C-alpha atoms as a PDB file:
ATOM      1  CA  MET A   1      70.359-140.560  87.491  1.00  0.00           C
ATOM      2  CA  SER A   2      71.825-137.227  86.458  1.00  0.00           C
ATOM      3  CA  GLN A   3      71.265-135.484  83.162  1.00  0.00           C
ATOM      4  CA  LEU A   4      74.502-134.633  81.395  1.00  0.00           C
ATOM      5  CA  PHE A   5      74.844-131.480  79.340  1.00  0.00           C
ATOM      6  CA  VAL A   6      78.021-130.841  77.345  1.00  0.00           C
ATOM      7  CA  ARG A   7      79.329-127.694  75.692  1.00  0.00           C
ATOM      8  CA  THR A   8      82.477-127.127  73.675  1.00  0.00           C
ATOM      9  CA  GLY A   9      83.478-124.330  71.336  1.00  0.00           C
ATOM     10  CA  ILE A  10      82.785-121.529  73.792  1.00  0.00           C
ATOM     11  CA  HIS A  11      85.000-118.723  75.072  1.00  0.00           C
ATOM     12  CA  PHE A  12      84.829-117.015  78.467  1.00  0.00           C
ATOM     13  CA  THR A  13      86.799-113.924  79.456  1.00  0.00           C
ATOM     14  CA  SER A  14      86.482-114.724  83.178  1.00  0.00           C
ATOM     15  CA  SER A  15      85.229-117.278  85.677  1.00  0.00           C
ATOM     16  CA  GLN A  16      82.389-114.848  86.448  1.00  0.00           C
ATOM     17  CA  GLN A  17      81.264-115.013  82.816  1.00  0.00           C
ATOM     18  CA  ALA A  18      81.512-118.825  82.845  1.00  0.00           C
ATOM     19  CA  LEU A  19      79.450-119.054  86.042  1.00  0.00           C
ATOM     20  CA  GLU A  20      76.814-116.681  84.670  1.00  0.00           C
ATOM     21  CA  HIS A  21      76.602-118.866  81.552  1.00  0.00           C
ATOM     22  CA  ILE A  22      76.171-121.992  83.682  1.00  0.00           C
ATOM     23  CA  GLY A  23      73.414-120.337  85.708  1.00  0.00           C
ATOM     24  CA  GLU A  24      71.517-119.198  82.620  1.00  0.00           C
ATOM     25  CA  GLU A  25      71.895-122.534  80.805  1.00  0.00           C
ATOM     26  CA  MET A  26      70.809-124.688  83.746  1.00  0.00           C
ATOM     27  CA  LEU A  27      67.837-122.398  84.351  1.00  0.00           C
ATOM     28  CA  ALA A  28      66.884-122.701  80.674  1.00  0.00           C
ATOM     29  CA  LYS A  29      67.190-126.509  80.887  1.00  0.00           C
ATOM     30  CA  GLY A  30      64.774-126.504  83.827  1.00  0.00           C
ATOM     31  CA  VAL A  31      67.046-128.387  86.238  1.00  0.00           C
ATOM     32  CA  VAL A  32      67.461-125.546  88.765  1.00  0.00           C
ATOM     33  CA  HIS A  33      65.320-123.020  90.623  1.00  0.00           C
ATOM     34  CA  ASP A  34      65.591-119.333  89.785  1.00  0.00           C
ATOM     35  CA  THR A  35      67.735-118.914  92.909  1.00  0.00           C
ATOM     36  CA  TYR A  36      70.511-121.042  91.393  1.00  0.00           C
ATOM     37  CA  PRO A  37      72.426-118.482  89.269  1.00  0.00           C
ATOM     38  CA  ALA A  38      72.983-116.097  92.205  1.00  0.00           C
ATOM     39  CA  ALA A  39      73.697-118.957  94.633  1.00  0.00           C
ATOM     40  CA  LEU A  40      76.338-120.376  92.275  1.00  0.00           C
ATOM     41  CA  LEU A  41      78.121-117.012  92.031  1.00  0.00           C
ATOM     42  CA  GLU A  42      77.914-116.428  95.781  1.00  0.00           C
ATOM     43  CA  ARG A  43      79.291-119.851  96.658  1.00  0.00           C
ATOM     44  CA  GLU A  44      82.184-119.554  94.201  1.00  0.00           C
ATOM     45  CA  ALA A  45      83.117-116.179  95.725  1.00  0.00           C
ATOM     46  CA  VAL A  46      83.368-117.715  99.212  1.00  0.00           C
ATOM     47  CA  TYR A  47      84.510-121.259  98.318  1.00  0.00           C
ATOM     48  CA  PRO A  48      86.431-121.237  95.011  1.00  0.00           C
ATOM     49  CA  THR A  49      86.411-124.475  93.025  1.00  0.00           C
ATOM     50  CA  GLY A  50      89.555-124.353  90.876  1.00  0.00           C
ATOM     51  CA  ILE A  51      91.634-127.507  91.304  1.00  0.00           C
ATOM     52  CA  ASN A  52      95.203-127.675  90.065  1.00  0.00           C
ATOM     53  CA  LEU A  53      96.050-131.186  88.872  1.00  0.00           C
ATOM     54  CA  GLU A  54      99.276-132.665  87.553  1.00  0.00           C
ATOM     55  CA  HIS A  55      99.177-131.230  84.012  1.00  0.00           C
ATOM     56  CA  HIS A  56      95.921-129.253  83.847  1.00  0.00           C
ATOM     57  CA  ALA A  57      93.383-127.564  86.085  1.00  0.00           C
ATOM     58  CA  VAL A  58      89.635-128.079  86.424  1.00  0.00           C
ATOM     59  CA  ALA A  59      86.835-126.239  88.185  1.00  0.00           C
ATOM     60  CA  ILE A  60      83.859-127.978  89.758  1.00  0.00           C
ATOM     61  CA  PRO A  61      81.396-125.184  90.567  1.00  0.00           C
ATOM     62  CA  HIS A  62      78.358-126.114  92.620  1.00  0.00           C
ATOM     63  CA  CYS A  63      76.052-124.729  95.290  1.00  0.00           C
ATOM     64  CA  GLU A  64      73.599-125.944  97.895  1.00  0.00           C
ATOM     65  CA  ALA A  65      71.197-128.718  96.896  1.00  0.00           C
ATOM     66  CA  MET A  66      68.148-126.577  97.709  1.00  0.00           C
ATOM     67  CA  HIS A  67      68.679-124.697  94.417  1.00  0.00           C
ATOM     68  CA  ALA A  68      68.341-127.864  92.290  1.00  0.00           C
ATOM     69  CA  LYS A  69      65.157-129.230  90.759  1.00  0.00           C
ATOM     70  CA  SER A  70      66.758-132.370  89.355  1.00  0.00           C
ATOM     71  CA  PRO A  71      70.300-133.749  89.310  1.00  0.00           C
ATOM     72  CA  ALA A  72      72.479-132.723  86.382  1.00  0.00           C
ATOM     73  CA  LEU A  73      76.049-132.160  85.316  1.00  0.00           C
ATOM     74  CA  TYR A  74      77.185-129.526  82.874  1.00  0.00           C
ATOM     75  CA  LEU A  75      80.543-130.321  81.326  1.00  0.00           C
ATOM     76  CA  ILE A  76      82.198-127.398  79.556  1.00  0.00           C
ATOM     77  CA  ARG A  77      85.406-127.576  77.570  1.00  0.00           C
ATOM     78  CA  PRO A  78      86.156-123.956  76.688  1.00  0.00           C
ATOM     79  CA  ASP A  79      88.222-122.988  73.641  1.00  0.00           C
ATOM     80  CA  ALA A  80      90.825-121.379  75.902  1.00  0.00           C
ATOM     81  CA  PRO A  81      91.588-121.852  79.596  1.00  0.00           C
ATOM     82  CA  VAL A  82      89.553-119.727  82.015  1.00  0.00           C
ATOM     83  CA  LYS A  83      91.034-118.205  85.173  1.00  0.00           C
ATOM     84  CA  PHE A  84      89.393-119.524  88.350  1.00  0.00           C
ATOM     85  CA  GLN A  85      90.514-118.964  91.897  1.00  0.00           C
ATOM     86  CA  GLN A  86      92.169-122.050  93.306  1.00  0.00           C
ATOM     87  CA  ALA A  87      90.200-123.921  95.973  1.00  0.00           C
ATOM     88  CA  ASP A  88      93.062-124.262  98.429  1.00  0.00           C
ATOM     89  CA  ASP A  89      94.865-120.926  98.121  1.00  0.00           C
ATOM     90  CA  ASP A  90      94.447-117.380  96.855  1.00  0.00           C
ATOM     91  CA  SER A  91      96.059-117.820  93.444  1.00  0.00           C
ATOM     92  CA  GLU A  92      94.286-118.031  90.120  1.00  0.00           C
ATOM     93  CA  ILE A  93      94.741-121.028  87.844  1.00  0.00           C
ATOM     94  CA  GLU A  94      94.009-121.619  84.167  1.00  0.00           C
ATOM     95  CA  VAL A  95      91.119-124.098  84.005  1.00  0.00           C
ATOM     96  CA  SER A  96      90.748-126.289  80.907  1.00  0.00           C
ATOM     97  CA  LEU A  97      87.604-128.172  81.980  1.00  0.00           C
ATOM     98  CA  ILE A  98      84.579-126.983  83.956  1.00  0.00           C
ATOM     99  CA  ILE A  99      82.222-129.517  85.532  1.00  0.00           C
ATOM    100  CA  ALA A 100      79.182-127.868  87.106  1.00  0.00           C
ATOM    101  CA  LEU A 101      77.295-130.079  89.561  1.00  0.00           C
ATOM    102  CA  ILE A 102      73.583-129.761  90.194  1.00  0.00           C
ATOM    103  CA  VAL A 103      72.671-132.208  92.946  1.00  0.00           C
ATOM    104  CA  GLU A 104      69.485-132.485  95.015  1.00  0.00           C
ATOM    105  CA  ASN A 105      70.953-134.627  97.779  1.00  0.00           C
ATOM    106  CA  PRO A 106      73.884-133.181  99.795  1.00  0.00           C
ATOM    107  CA  ALA A 107      75.297-136.657 100.527  1.00  0.00           C
ATOM    108  CA  ALA A 108      75.204-137.514  96.817  1.00  0.00           C
ATOM    109  CA  GLN A 109      76.971-134.228  96.065  1.00  0.00           C
ATOM    110  CA  LEU A 110      79.842-135.112  98.386  1.00  0.00           C
ATOM    111  CA  THR A 111      80.095-138.622  96.931  1.00  0.00           C
ATOM    112  CA  LEU A 112      80.125-137.256  93.375  1.00  0.00           C
ATOM    113  CA  LEU A 113      82.733-134.600  94.232  1.00  0.00           C
ATOM    114  CA  ARG A 114      85.007-137.268  95.720  1.00  0.00           C
ATOM    115  CA  ARG A 115      84.574-139.519  92.699  1.00  0.00           C
ATOM    116  CA  LEU A 116      85.282-136.731  90.216  1.00  0.00           C
ATOM    117  CA  PHE A 117      88.318-135.558  92.152  1.00  0.00           C
ATOM    118  CA  SER A 118      89.643-139.110  92.385  1.00  0.00           C
ATOM    119  CA  GLU A 119      89.135-139.901  88.687  1.00  0.00           C
ATOM    120  CA  LEU A 120      90.506-136.557  87.503  1.00  0.00           C
ATOM    121  CA  GLN A 121      93.752-137.194  89.410  1.00  0.00           C
ATOM    122  CA  ASP A 122      94.634-139.632  86.617  1.00  0.00           C
ATOM    123  CA  PRO A 123      96.427-137.489  83.985  1.00  0.00           C
ATOM    124  CA  ASP A 124      95.373-139.913  81.224  1.00  0.00           C
ATOM    125  CA  THR A 125      91.677-139.496  82.072  1.00  0.00           C
ATOM    126  CA  LEU A 126      91.843-135.722  81.995  1.00  0.00           C
ATOM    127  CA  GLU A 127      93.960-135.690  78.843  1.00  0.00           C
ATOM    128  CA  ALA A 128      91.413-137.941  77.118  1.00  0.00           C
ATOM    129  CA  LEU A 129      88.580-135.571  78.067  1.00  0.00           C
ATOM    130  CA  LEU A 130      90.513-132.567  76.772  1.00  0.00           C
ATOM    131  CA  ARG A 131      91.390-134.245  73.454  1.00  0.00           C
ATOM    132  CA  ALA A 132      88.158-136.111  72.681  1.00  0.00           C
ATOM    133  CA  PRO A 133      86.145-134.928  69.679  1.00  0.00           C
ATOM    134  CA  ALA A 134      83.147-132.877  70.833  1.00  0.00           C
ATOM    135  CA  ALA A 135      80.716-135.536  69.589  1.00  0.00           C
ATOM    136  CA  GLU A 136      82.367-138.180  71.814  1.00  0.00           C
ATOM    137  CA  LEU A 137      82.884-136.087  74.944  1.00  0.00           C
ATOM    138  CA  ALA A 138      79.601-136.928  76.708  1.00  0.00           C
ATOM    139  CA  ALA A 139      80.019-140.683  76.230  1.00  0.00           C
ATOM    140  CA  LEU A 140      83.650-140.585  77.331  1.00  0.00           C
ATOM    141  CA  PHE A 141      82.771-138.583  80.441  1.00  0.00           C
ATOM    142  CA  GLN A 142      79.969-140.989  81.353  1.00  0.00           C
ATOM    143  CA  ASP A 143      82.110-144.066  80.752  1.00  0.00           C
ATOM    144  CA  THR A 144      85.182-142.876  82.636  1.00  0.00           C
ATOM    145  CA  LEU A 145      83.823-140.671  85.420  1.00  0.00           C
ATOM    146  CA  LEU A 146      80.196-141.491  86.076  1.00  0.00           C
ATOM    147  CA  GLU A 147      79.716-145.218  85.685  1.00  0.00           C
ATOM    148  CA  THR A 148      79.517-147.008  88.996  1.00  0.00           C
ATOM    149  CA  GLU A 149      80.512-150.607  89.604  1.00  0.00           C
ATOM    150  CA  SER A 150      76.960-151.694  88.761  1.00  0.00           C
ATOM    151  CA  GLY A 151      77.110-149.895  85.419  1.00  0.00           C
ATOM    152  CA  GLN A 152      74.632-147.232  86.546  1.00  0.00           C
ATOM    153  CA  LEU A 153      75.290-143.524  86.232  1.00  0.00           C
ATOM    154  CA  ALA A 154      76.126-141.784  89.457  1.00  0.00           C
END
């Protein structure tokens, strides 16, 4: 079972600043090793995580499982879109939702990435996450993206 952290009402001037924030926050929450912040930045530089969807773009930054202490997700809905490099080409895209993955098990990481990518393909799902009041965002994310068929969190 993953811990879910949510943040809204924050502004980033760059993806670098967003990634540094994620590293610091996850370190402070105790879910990652002190190697995580640098590993997250390094991985994003080599394998960008911006994903352009039908109406919006998301980023799903993550790094190797060895940097995690316990599984967690950090969902960030910034006040303004943040430029991330697109995963499948060299262009930058304006990301409206950032979902940082902290996973201990590499197989679980791949499964979770596939599930997130599949669910976020639905424009209604993403639109609901972008419009939900901050107080309801965590519950909405859990209900729509993390619940498995058995009702357990991924």
